[in-house]
Amino acid sequence: MYSHAKLLMGKFKNNEVVPNDVKEGYFAVFSVNSEEEPKRFILDLHWLNNPLFLKLLKQAEDEYGFQQKGVLEVPCHTAELQNILELKMG
């Protein structure tokens, strides 16, 4: 977990730790790249059906494989993820 992300943590059913600010029906994701600090987003589950977001998930699979533990990381700039989220909201 990132040291700059001070999160209140709670226990999940199978002893996994889940941040208290991630409510049911949402998930946390970090935009990660070598040029800037990771940025955390809390997204509604409907993003898991969005083609542009799925493209980022495919990039994450290609870069990290399925061995990620904890928060989901997508290899992109913060602005790229924000632009995808704004397209859907706008």
PDB file of N, CA and C in Angstrom:
ATOM      1  N   MET A   1       0.849  -1.175   0.000  1.00  0.00           N
ATOM      2  CA  MET A   1       0.000   0.000   0.000  1.00  0.00           C
ATOM      3  C   MET A   1       0.892   1.235   0.000  1.00  0.00           C
ATOM      4  N   TYR A   2       0.457   2.299  -0.603  1.00  0.00           N
ATOM      5  CA  TYR A   2       1.252   3.512  -0.712  1.00  0.00           C
ATOM      6  C   TYR A   2       1.293   4.249   0.617  1.00  0.00           C
ATOM      7  N   SER A   3       2.467   4.744   0.965  1.00  0.00           N
ATOM      8  CA  SER A   3       2.620   5.433   2.236  1.00  0.00           C
ATOM      9  C   SER A   3       1.843   6.742   2.264  1.00  0.00           C
ATOM     10  N   HIS A   4       1.657   7.380   1.104  1.00  0.00           N
ATOM     11  CA  HIS A   4       0.934   8.655   1.081  1.00  0.00           C
ATOM     12  C   HIS A   4      -0.577   8.474   1.161  1.00  0.00           C
ATOM     13  N   ALA A   5      -1.045   7.263   0.984  1.00  0.00           N
ATOM     14  CA  ALA A   5      -2.485   7.000   1.046  1.00  0.00           C
ATOM     15  C   ALA A   5      -2.827   6.528   2.450  1.00  0.00           C
ATOM     16  N   LYS A   6      -3.214   7.450   3.291  1.00  0.00           N
ATOM     17  CA  LYS A   6      -3.577   7.097   4.663  1.00  0.00           C
ATOM     18  C   LYS A   6      -5.059   6.764   4.672  1.00  0.00           C
ATOM     19  N   LEU A   7      -5.338   5.479   4.681  1.00  0.00           N
ATOM     20  CA  LEU A   7      -6.719   5.017   4.564  1.00  0.00           C
ATOM     21  C   LEU A   7      -7.157   4.344   5.844  1.00  0.00           C
ATOM     22  N   LEU A   8      -8.390   4.573   6.230  1.00  0.00           N
ATOM     23  CA  LEU A   8      -8.970   3.805   7.320  1.00  0.00           C
ATOM     24  C   LEU A   8      -9.343   2.449   6.756  1.00  0.00           C
ATOM     25  N   MET A   9      -8.904   1.408   7.415  1.00  0.00           N
ATOM     26  CA  MET A   9      -9.111   0.081   6.868  1.00  0.00           C
ATOM     27  C   MET A   9     -10.085  -0.713   7.729  1.00  0.00           C
ATOM     28  N   GLY A  10     -10.878  -1.568   7.089  1.00  0.00           N
ATOM     29  CA  GLY A  10     -11.799  -2.449   7.778  1.00  0.00           C
ATOM     30  C   GLY A  10     -11.613  -3.865   7.264  1.00  0.00           C
ATOM     31  N   LYS A  11     -12.115  -4.822   7.992  1.00  0.00           N
ATOM     32  CA  LYS A  11     -12.002  -6.224   7.568  1.00  0.00           C
ATOM     33  C   LYS A  11     -13.160  -6.600   6.651  1.00  0.00           C
ATOM     34  N   PHE A  12     -12.853  -7.333   5.623  1.00  0.00           N
ATOM     35  CA  PHE A  12     -13.818  -7.841   4.672  1.00  0.00           C
ATOM     36  C   PHE A  12     -14.149  -9.275   5.078  1.00  0.00           C
ATOM     37  N   LYS A  13     -15.143  -9.874   4.495  1.00  0.00           N
ATOM     38  CA  LYS A  13     -15.620 -11.200   4.892  1.00  0.00           C
ATOM     39  C   LYS A  13     -14.511 -12.246   4.994  1.00  0.00           C
ATOM     40  N   ASN A  14     -13.622 -12.320   4.024  1.00  0.00           N
ATOM     41  CA  ASN A  14     -12.594 -13.370   4.016  1.00  0.00           C
ATOM     42  C   ASN A  14     -11.247 -12.835   4.512  1.00  0.00           C
ATOM     43  N   ASN A  15     -11.283 -11.913   5.490  1.00  0.00           N
ATOM     44  CA  ASN A  15     -10.111 -11.330   6.135  1.00  0.00           C
ATOM     45  C   ASN A  15      -9.270 -10.436   5.232  1.00  0.00           C
ATOM     46  N   GLU A  16      -9.765 -10.093   4.048  1.00  0.00           N
ATOM     47  CA  GLU A  16      -9.083  -9.112   3.220  1.00  0.00           C
ATOM     48  C   GLU A  16      -9.368  -7.738   3.808  1.00  0.00           C
ATOM     49  N   VAL A  17      -8.435  -6.846   3.655  1.00  0.00           N
ATOM     50  CA  VAL A  17      -8.611  -5.493   4.164  1.00  0.00           C
ATOM     51  C   VAL A  17      -9.178  -4.623   3.045  1.00  0.00           C
ATOM     52  N   VAL A  18     -10.249  -3.903   3.357  1.00  0.00           N
ATOM     53  CA  VAL A  18     -10.902  -3.020   2.387  1.00  0.00           C
ATOM     54  C   VAL A  18     -10.983  -1.630   3.006  1.00  0.00           C
ATOM     55  N   PRO A  19     -10.595  -0.585   2.252  1.00  0.00           N
ATOM     56  CA  PRO A  19     -10.704   0.774   2.796  1.00  0.00           C
ATOM     57  C   PRO A  19     -12.143   1.104   3.160  1.00  0.00           C
ATOM     58  N   ASN A  20     -12.321   1.790   4.274  1.00  0.00           N
ATOM     59  CA  ASN A  20     -13.668   2.140   4.726  1.00  0.00           C
ATOM     60  C   ASN A  20     -14.379   3.110   3.786  1.00  0.00           C
ATOM     61  N   ASP A  21     -13.623   3.865   2.987  1.00  0.00           N
ATOM     62  CA  ASP A  21     -14.265   4.823   2.093  1.00  0.00           C
ATOM     63  C   ASP A  21     -14.718   4.194   0.775  1.00  0.00           C
ATOM     64  N   VAL A  22     -14.465   2.906   0.567  1.00  0.00           N
ATOM     65  CA  VAL A  22     -14.934   2.211  -0.635  1.00  0.00           C
ATOM     66  C   VAL A  22     -16.227   1.501  -0.264  1.00  0.00           C
ATOM     67  N   LYS A  23     -17.318   2.122  -0.640  1.00  0.00           N
ATOM     68  CA  LYS A  23     -18.641   1.600  -0.286  1.00  0.00           C
ATOM     69  C   LYS A  23     -19.050   0.462  -1.217  1.00  0.00           C
ATOM     70  N   GLU A  24     -20.069  -0.263  -0.810  1.00  0.00           N
ATOM     71  CA  GLU A  24     -20.579  -1.354  -1.630  1.00  0.00           C
ATOM     72  C   GLU A  24     -20.977  -0.816  -3.006  1.00  0.00           C
ATOM     73  N   GLY A  25     -20.589  -1.534  -4.047  1.00  0.00           N
ATOM     74  CA  GLY A  25     -20.888  -1.119  -5.411  1.00  0.00           C
ATOM     75  C   GLY A  25     -19.799  -0.250  -6.029  1.00  0.00           C
ATOM     76  N   TYR A  26     -18.694  -0.085  -5.328  1.00  0.00           N
ATOM     77  CA  TYR A  26     -17.577   0.734  -5.809  1.00  0.00           C
ATOM     78  C   TYR A  26     -16.271  -0.035  -5.651  1.00  0.00           C
ATOM     79  N   PHE A  27     -15.227   0.441  -6.328  1.00  0.00           N
ATOM     80  CA  PHE A  27     -13.901  -0.146  -6.168  1.00  0.00           C
ATOM     81  C   PHE A  27     -12.860   0.951  -6.295  1.00  0.00           C
ATOM     82  N   ALA A  28     -11.685   0.677  -5.731  1.00  0.00           N
ATOM     83  CA  ALA A  28     -10.589   1.643  -5.771  1.00  0.00           C
ATOM     84  C   ALA A  28      -9.623   1.265  -6.887  1.00  0.00           C
ATOM     85  N   VAL A  29      -9.059   2.274  -7.525  1.00  0.00           N
ATOM     86  CA  VAL A  29      -8.068   2.072  -8.574  1.00  0.00           C
ATOM     87  C   VAL A  29      -7.038   3.200  -8.477  1.00  0.00           C
ATOM     88  N   PHE A  30      -5.780   2.869  -8.746  1.00  0.00           N
ATOM     89  CA  PHE A  30      -4.711   3.859  -8.804  1.00  0.00           C
ATOM     90  C   PHE A  30      -4.248   3.995 -10.239  1.00  0.00           C
ATOM     91  N   SER A  31      -4.066   5.232 -10.704  1.00  0.00           N
ATOM     92  CA  SER A  31      -3.345   5.471 -11.953  1.00  0.00           C
ATOM     93  C   SER A  31      -1.871   5.513 -11.573  1.00  0.00           C
ATOM     94  N   VAL A  32      -1.053   4.736 -12.277  1.00  0.00           N
ATOM     95  CA  VAL A  32       0.350   4.584 -11.917  1.00  0.00           C
ATOM     96  C   VAL A  32       1.221   4.752 -13.156  1.00  0.00           C
ATOM     97  N   ASN A  33       2.239   5.603 -13.042  1.00  0.00           N
ATOM     98  CA  ASN A  33       3.253   5.740 -14.079  1.00  0.00           C
ATOM     99  C   ASN A  33       4.511   6.301 -13.447  1.00  0.00           C
ATOM    100  N   SER A  34       5.600   6.265 -14.178  1.00  0.00           N
ATOM    101  CA  SER A  34       6.893   6.659 -13.616  1.00  0.00           C
ATOM    102  C   SER A  34       7.091   8.168 -13.534  1.00  0.00           C
ATOM    103  N   GLU A  35       6.187   8.948 -14.099  1.00  0.00           N
ATOM    104  CA  GLU A  35       6.364  10.395 -14.170  1.00  0.00           C
ATOM    105  C   GLU A  35       5.626  11.186 -13.101  1.00  0.00           C
ATOM    106  N   GLU A  36       4.734  10.541 -12.365  1.00  0.00           N
ATOM    107  CA  GLU A  36       3.961  11.259 -11.350  1.00  0.00           C
ATOM    108  C   GLU A  36       3.571  10.312 -10.223  1.00  0.00           C
ATOM    109  N   GLU A  37       3.166  10.898  -9.105  1.00  0.00           N
ATOM    110  CA  GLU A  37       2.700  10.110  -7.974  1.00  0.00           C
ATOM    111  C   GLU A  37       1.406   9.385  -8.357  1.00  0.00           C
ATOM    112  N   PRO A  38       1.212   8.173  -7.840  1.00  0.00           N
ATOM    113  CA  PRO A  38      -0.054   7.482  -8.102  1.00  0.00           C
ATOM    114  C   PRO A  38      -1.235   8.297  -7.571  1.00  0.00           C
ATOM    115  N   LYS A  39      -2.348   8.235  -8.290  1.00  0.00           N
ATOM    116  CA  LYS A  39      -3.569   8.927  -7.861  1.00  0.00           C
ATOM    117  C   LYS A  39      -4.648   7.885  -7.677  1.00  0.00           C
ATOM    118  N   ARG A  40      -5.347   7.987  -6.579  1.00  0.00           N
ATOM    119  CA  ARG A  40      -6.403   7.033  -6.225  1.00  0.00           C
ATOM    120  C   ARG A  40      -7.758   7.555  -6.667  1.00  0.00           C
ATOM    121  N   PHE A  41      -8.544   6.661  -7.244  1.00  0.00           N
ATOM    122  CA  PHE A  41      -9.909   6.953  -7.667  1.00  0.00           C
ATOM    123  C   PHE A  41     -10.835   5.916  -7.049  1.00  0.00           C
ATOM    124  N   ILE A  42     -12.021   6.327  -6.697  1.00  0.00           N
ATOM    125  CA  ILE A  42     -13.074   5.404  -6.261  1.00  0.00           C
ATOM    126  C   ILE A  42     -14.117   5.412  -7.375  1.00  0.00           C
ATOM    127  N   LEU A  43     -14.347   4.248  -7.984  1.00  0.00           N
ATOM    128  CA  LEU A  43     -15.223   4.162  -9.153  1.00  0.00           C
ATOM    129  C   LEU A  43     -16.418   3.256  -8.884  1.00  0.00           C
ATOM    130  N   ASP A  44     -17.516   3.598  -9.515  1.00  0.00           N
ATOM    131  CA  ASP A  44     -18.714   2.771  -9.505  1.00  0.00           C
ATOM    132  C   ASP A  44     -18.443   1.510 -10.329  1.00  0.00           C
ATOM    133  N   LEU A  45     -19.049   0.411  -9.947  1.00  0.00           N
ATOM    134  CA  LEU A  45     -18.823  -0.855 -10.652  1.00  0.00           C
ATOM    135  C   LEU A  45     -19.183  -0.802 -12.136  1.00  0.00           C
ATOM    136  N   HIS A  46     -20.043   0.127 -12.549  1.00  0.00           N
ATOM    137  CA  HIS A  46     -20.423   0.180 -13.973  1.00  0.00           C
ATOM    138  C   HIS A  46     -19.217   0.424 -14.868  1.00  0.00           C
ATOM    139  N   TRP A  47     -18.120   0.976 -14.316  1.00  0.00           N
ATOM    140  CA  TRP A  47     -16.918   1.201 -15.119  1.00  0.00           C
ATOM    141  C   TRP A  47     -16.314  -0.101 -15.613  1.00  0.00           C
ATOM    142  N   LEU A  48     -16.632  -1.208 -14.983  1.00  0.00           N
ATOM    143  CA  LEU A  48     -16.100  -2.498 -15.418  1.00  0.00           C
ATOM    144  C   LEU A  48     -16.721  -2.962 -16.732  1.00  0.00           C
ATOM    145  N   ASN A  49     -17.713  -2.222 -17.227  1.00  0.00           N
ATOM    146  CA  ASN A  49     -18.327  -2.506 -18.532  1.00  0.00           C
ATOM    147  C   ASN A  49     -17.981  -1.456 -19.577  1.00  0.00           C
ATOM    148  N   ASN A  50     -17.211  -0.452 -19.218  1.00  0.00           N
ATOM    149  CA  ASN A  50     -16.880   0.635 -20.129  1.00  0.00           C
ATOM    150  C   ASN A  50     -15.695   0.231 -21.012  1.00  0.00           C
ATOM    151  N   PRO A  51     -15.836   0.304 -22.354  1.00  0.00           N
ATOM    152  CA  PRO A  51     -14.763  -0.131 -23.254  1.00  0.00           C
ATOM    153  C   PRO A  51     -13.432   0.605 -23.041  1.00  0.00           C
ATOM    154  N   LEU A  52     -13.469   1.890 -22.765  1.00  0.00           N
ATOM    155  CA  LEU A  52     -12.222   2.629 -22.558  1.00  0.00           C
ATOM    156  C   LEU A  52     -11.541   2.200 -21.254  1.00  0.00           C
ATOM    157  N   PHE A  53     -12.328   1.990 -20.208  1.00  0.00           N
ATOM    158  CA  PHE A  53     -11.758   1.523 -18.950  1.00  0.00           C
ATOM    159  C   PHE A  53     -11.253   0.092 -19.094  1.00  0.00           C
ATOM    160  N   LEU A  54     -11.977  -0.741 -19.834  1.00  0.00           N
ATOM    161  CA  LEU A  54     -11.537  -2.117 -20.067  1.00  0.00           C
ATOM    162  C   LEU A  54     -10.203  -2.158 -20.810  1.00  0.00           C
ATOM    163  N   LYS A  55      -9.971  -1.188 -21.675  1.00  0.00           N
ATOM    164  CA  LYS A  55      -8.687  -1.089 -22.371  1.00  0.00           C
ATOM    165  C   LYS A  55      -7.561  -0.853 -21.352  1.00  0.00           C
ATOM    166  N   LEU A  56      -7.808   0.000 -20.359  1.00  0.00           N
ATOM    167  CA  LEU A  56      -6.816   0.220 -19.301  1.00  0.00           C
ATOM    168  C   LEU A  56      -6.588  -1.052 -18.488  1.00  0.00           C
ATOM    169  N   LEU A  57      -7.658  -1.799 -18.230  1.00  0.00           N
ATOM    170  CA  LEU A  57      -7.511  -3.057 -17.500  1.00  0.00           C
ATOM    171  C   LEU A  57      -6.676  -4.061 -18.296  1.00  0.00           C
ATOM    172  N   LYS A  58      -6.838  -4.073 -19.605  1.00  0.00           N
ATOM    173  CA  LYS A  58      -6.037  -4.954 -20.462  1.00  0.00           C
ATOM    174  C   LYS A  58      -4.564  -4.548 -20.392  1.00  0.00           C
ATOM    175  N   GLN A  59      -4.302  -3.231 -20.384  1.00  0.00           N
ATOM    176  CA  GLN A  59      -2.925  -2.759 -20.247  1.00  0.00           C
ATOM    177  C   GLN A  59      -2.341  -3.197 -18.904  1.00  0.00           C
ATOM    178  N   ALA A  60      -3.161  -3.123 -17.851  1.00  0.00           N
ATOM    179  CA  ALA A  60      -2.712  -3.563 -16.529  1.00  0.00           C
ATOM    180  C   ALA A  60      -2.397  -5.060 -16.538  1.00  0.00           C
ATOM    181  N   GLU A  61      -3.252  -5.839 -17.196  1.00  0.00           N
ATOM    182  CA  GLU A  61      -3.005  -7.278 -17.302  1.00  0.00           C
ATOM    183  C   GLU A  61      -1.688  -7.538 -18.032  1.00  0.00           C
ATOM    184  N   ASP A  62      -1.471  -6.834 -19.137  1.00  0.00           N
ATOM    185  CA  ASP A  62      -0.250  -7.023 -19.917  1.00  0.00           C
ATOM    186  C   ASP A  62       0.995  -6.640 -19.119  1.00  0.00           C
ATOM    187  N   GLU A  63       0.900  -5.584 -18.327  1.00  0.00           N
ATOM    188  CA  GLU A  63       2.056  -5.105 -17.573  1.00  0.00           C
ATOM    189  C   GLU A  63       2.278  -5.857 -16.262  1.00  0.00           C
ATOM    190  N   TYR A  64       1.192  -6.135 -15.526  1.00  0.00           N
ATOM    191  CA  TYR A  64       1.317  -6.708 -14.191  1.00  0.00           C
ATOM    192  C   TYR A  64       0.871  -8.159 -14.095  1.00  0.00           C
ATOM    193  N   GLY A  65       0.147  -8.643 -15.080  1.00  0.00           N
ATOM    194  CA  GLY A  65      -0.418  -9.986 -14.991  1.00  0.00           C
ATOM    195  C   GLY A  65      -1.596  -9.997 -14.036  1.00  0.00           C
ATOM    196  N   PHE A  66      -1.993 -11.175 -13.616  1.00  0.00           N
ATOM    197  CA  PHE A  66      -3.125 -11.307 -12.696  1.00  0.00           C
ATOM    198  C   PHE A  66      -2.662 -11.469 -11.259  1.00  0.00           C
ATOM    199  N   GLN A  67      -1.410 -11.183 -10.989  1.00  0.00           N
ATOM    200  CA  GLN A  67      -0.861 -11.406  -9.656  1.00  0.00           C
ATOM    201  C   GLN A  67      -0.992 -10.198  -8.731  1.00  0.00           C
ATOM    202  N   GLN A  68      -1.628  -9.124  -9.194  1.00  0.00           N
ATOM    203  CA  GLN A  68      -1.800  -7.938  -8.353  1.00  0.00           C
ATOM    204  C   GLN A  68      -2.574  -8.299  -7.099  1.00  0.00           C
ATOM    205  N   LYS A  69      -2.133  -7.726  -5.990  1.00  0.00           N
ATOM    206  CA  LYS A  69      -2.864  -7.881  -4.732  1.00  0.00           C
ATOM    207  C   LYS A  69      -3.164  -6.483  -4.222  1.00  0.00           C
ATOM    208  N   GLY A  70      -4.271  -6.361  -3.530  1.00  0.00           N
ATOM    209  CA  GLY A  70      -4.640  -5.054  -3.002  1.00  0.00           C
ATOM    210  C   GLY A  70      -5.348  -4.220  -4.051  1.00  0.00           C
ATOM    211  N   VAL A  71      -5.094  -2.948  -3.994  1.00  0.00           N
ATOM    212  CA  VAL A  71      -5.781  -2.020  -4.882  1.00  0.00           C
ATOM    213  C   VAL A  71      -5.374  -2.260  -6.338  1.00  0.00           C
ATOM    214  N   LEU A  72      -6.315  -2.062  -7.213  1.00  0.00           N
ATOM    215  CA  LEU A  72      -6.082  -2.226  -8.645  1.00  0.00           C
ATOM    216  C   LEU A  72      -5.246  -1.070  -9.162  1.00  0.00           C
ATOM    217  N   GLU A  73      -4.190  -1.362  -9.904  1.00  0.00           N
ATOM    218  CA  GLU A  73      -3.346  -0.347 -10.508  1.00  0.00           C
ATOM    219  C   GLU A  73      -3.485  -0.421 -12.020  1.00  0.00           C
ATOM    220  N   VAL A  74      -3.684   0.734 -12.648  1.00  0.00           N
ATOM    221  CA  VAL A  74      -3.706   0.792 -14.104  1.00  0.00           C
ATOM    222  C   VAL A  74      -2.541   1.666 -14.562  1.00  0.00           C
ATOM    223  N   PRO A  75      -1.780   1.208 -15.558  1.00  0.00           N
ATOM    224  CA  PRO A  75      -0.606   1.940 -16.022  1.00  0.00           C
ATOM    225  C   PRO A  75      -0.996   3.080 -16.958  1.00  0.00           C
ATOM    226  N   CYS A  76      -1.266   4.244 -16.366  1.00  0.00           N
ATOM    227  CA  CYS A  76      -1.636   5.405 -17.172  1.00  0.00           C
ATOM    228  C   CYS A  76      -1.377   6.676 -16.368  1.00  0.00           C
ATOM    229  N   HIS A  77      -1.377   7.796 -17.064  1.00  0.00           N
ATOM    230  CA  HIS A  77      -1.283   9.089 -16.395  1.00  0.00           C
ATOM    231  C   HIS A  77      -2.635   9.414 -15.758  1.00  0.00           C
ATOM    232  N   THR A  78      -2.576  10.172 -14.695  1.00  0.00           N
ATOM    233  CA  THR A  78      -3.797  10.591 -14.006  1.00  0.00           C
ATOM    234  C   THR A  78      -4.757  11.273 -14.977  1.00  0.00           C
ATOM    235  N   ALA A  79      -4.234  12.143 -15.810  1.00  0.00           N
ATOM    236  CA  ALA A  79      -5.073  12.883 -16.762  1.00  0.00           C
ATOM    237  C   ALA A  79      -5.787  11.939 -17.733  1.00  0.00           C
ATOM    238  N   GLU A  80      -5.122  10.866 -18.135  1.00  0.00           N
ATOM    239  CA  GLU A  80      -5.741   9.907 -19.056  1.00  0.00           C
ATOM    240  C   GLU A  80      -6.963   9.259 -18.410  1.00  0.00           C
ATOM    241  N   LEU A  81      -6.817   8.824 -17.159  1.00  0.00           N
ATOM    242  CA  LEU A  81      -7.954   8.212 -16.466  1.00  0.00           C
ATOM    243  C   LEU A  81      -9.044   9.243 -16.212  1.00  0.00           C
ATOM    244  N   GLN A  82      -8.668  10.447 -15.825  1.00  0.00           N
ATOM    245  CA  GLN A  82      -9.663  11.500 -15.611  1.00  0.00           C
ATOM    246  C   GLN A  82     -10.423  11.802 -16.895  1.00  0.00           C
ATOM    247  N   ASN A  83      -9.745  11.822 -18.034  1.00  0.00           N
ATOM    248  CA  ASN A  83     -10.407  12.079 -19.305  1.00  0.00           C
ATOM    249  C   ASN A  83     -11.428  10.984 -19.636  1.00  0.00           C
ATOM    250  N   ILE A  84     -11.081   9.743 -19.384  1.00  0.00           N
ATOM    251  CA  ILE A  84     -12.023   8.645 -19.618  1.00  0.00           C
ATOM    252  C   ILE A  84     -13.255   8.808 -18.736  1.00  0.00           C
ATOM    253  N   LEU A  85     -13.025   9.140 -17.458  1.00  0.00           N
ATOM    254  CA  LEU A  85     -14.143   9.299 -16.541  1.00  0.00           C
ATOM    255  C   LEU A  85     -15.019  10.491 -16.921  1.00  0.00           C
ATOM    256  N   GLU A  86     -14.423  11.557 -17.401  1.00  0.00           N
ATOM    257  CA  GLU A  86     -15.186  12.739 -17.803  1.00  0.00           C
ATOM    258  C   GLU A  86     -15.982  12.499 -19.075  1.00  0.00           C
ATOM    259  N   LEU A  87     -15.467  11.682 -19.991  1.00  0.00           N
ATOM    260  CA  LEU A  87     -16.200  11.351 -21.220  1.00  0.00           C
ATOM    261  C   LEU A  87     -17.516  10.692 -20.890  1.00  0.00           C
ATOM    262  N   LYS A  88     -17.489   9.765 -19.957  1.00  0.00           N
ATOM    263  CA  LYS A  88     -18.697   9.032 -19.578  1.00  0.00           C
ATOM    264  C   LYS A  88     -19.670   9.933 -18.815  1.00  0.00           C
ATOM    265  N   MET A  89     -19.128  10.827 -17.983  1.00  0.00           N
ATOM    266  CA  MET A  89     -19.973  11.690 -17.169  1.00  0.00           C
ATOM    267  C   MET A  89     -20.521  12.865 -17.959  1.00  0.00           C
ATOM    268  N   GLY A  90     -19.781  13.293 -18.961  1.00  0.00           N
ATOM    269  CA  GLY A  90     -20.132  14.502 -19.707  1.00  0.00           C
ATOM    270  C   GLY A  90     -21.176  14.327 -20.690  1.00  0.00           C
TER     271      GLY A  90
END
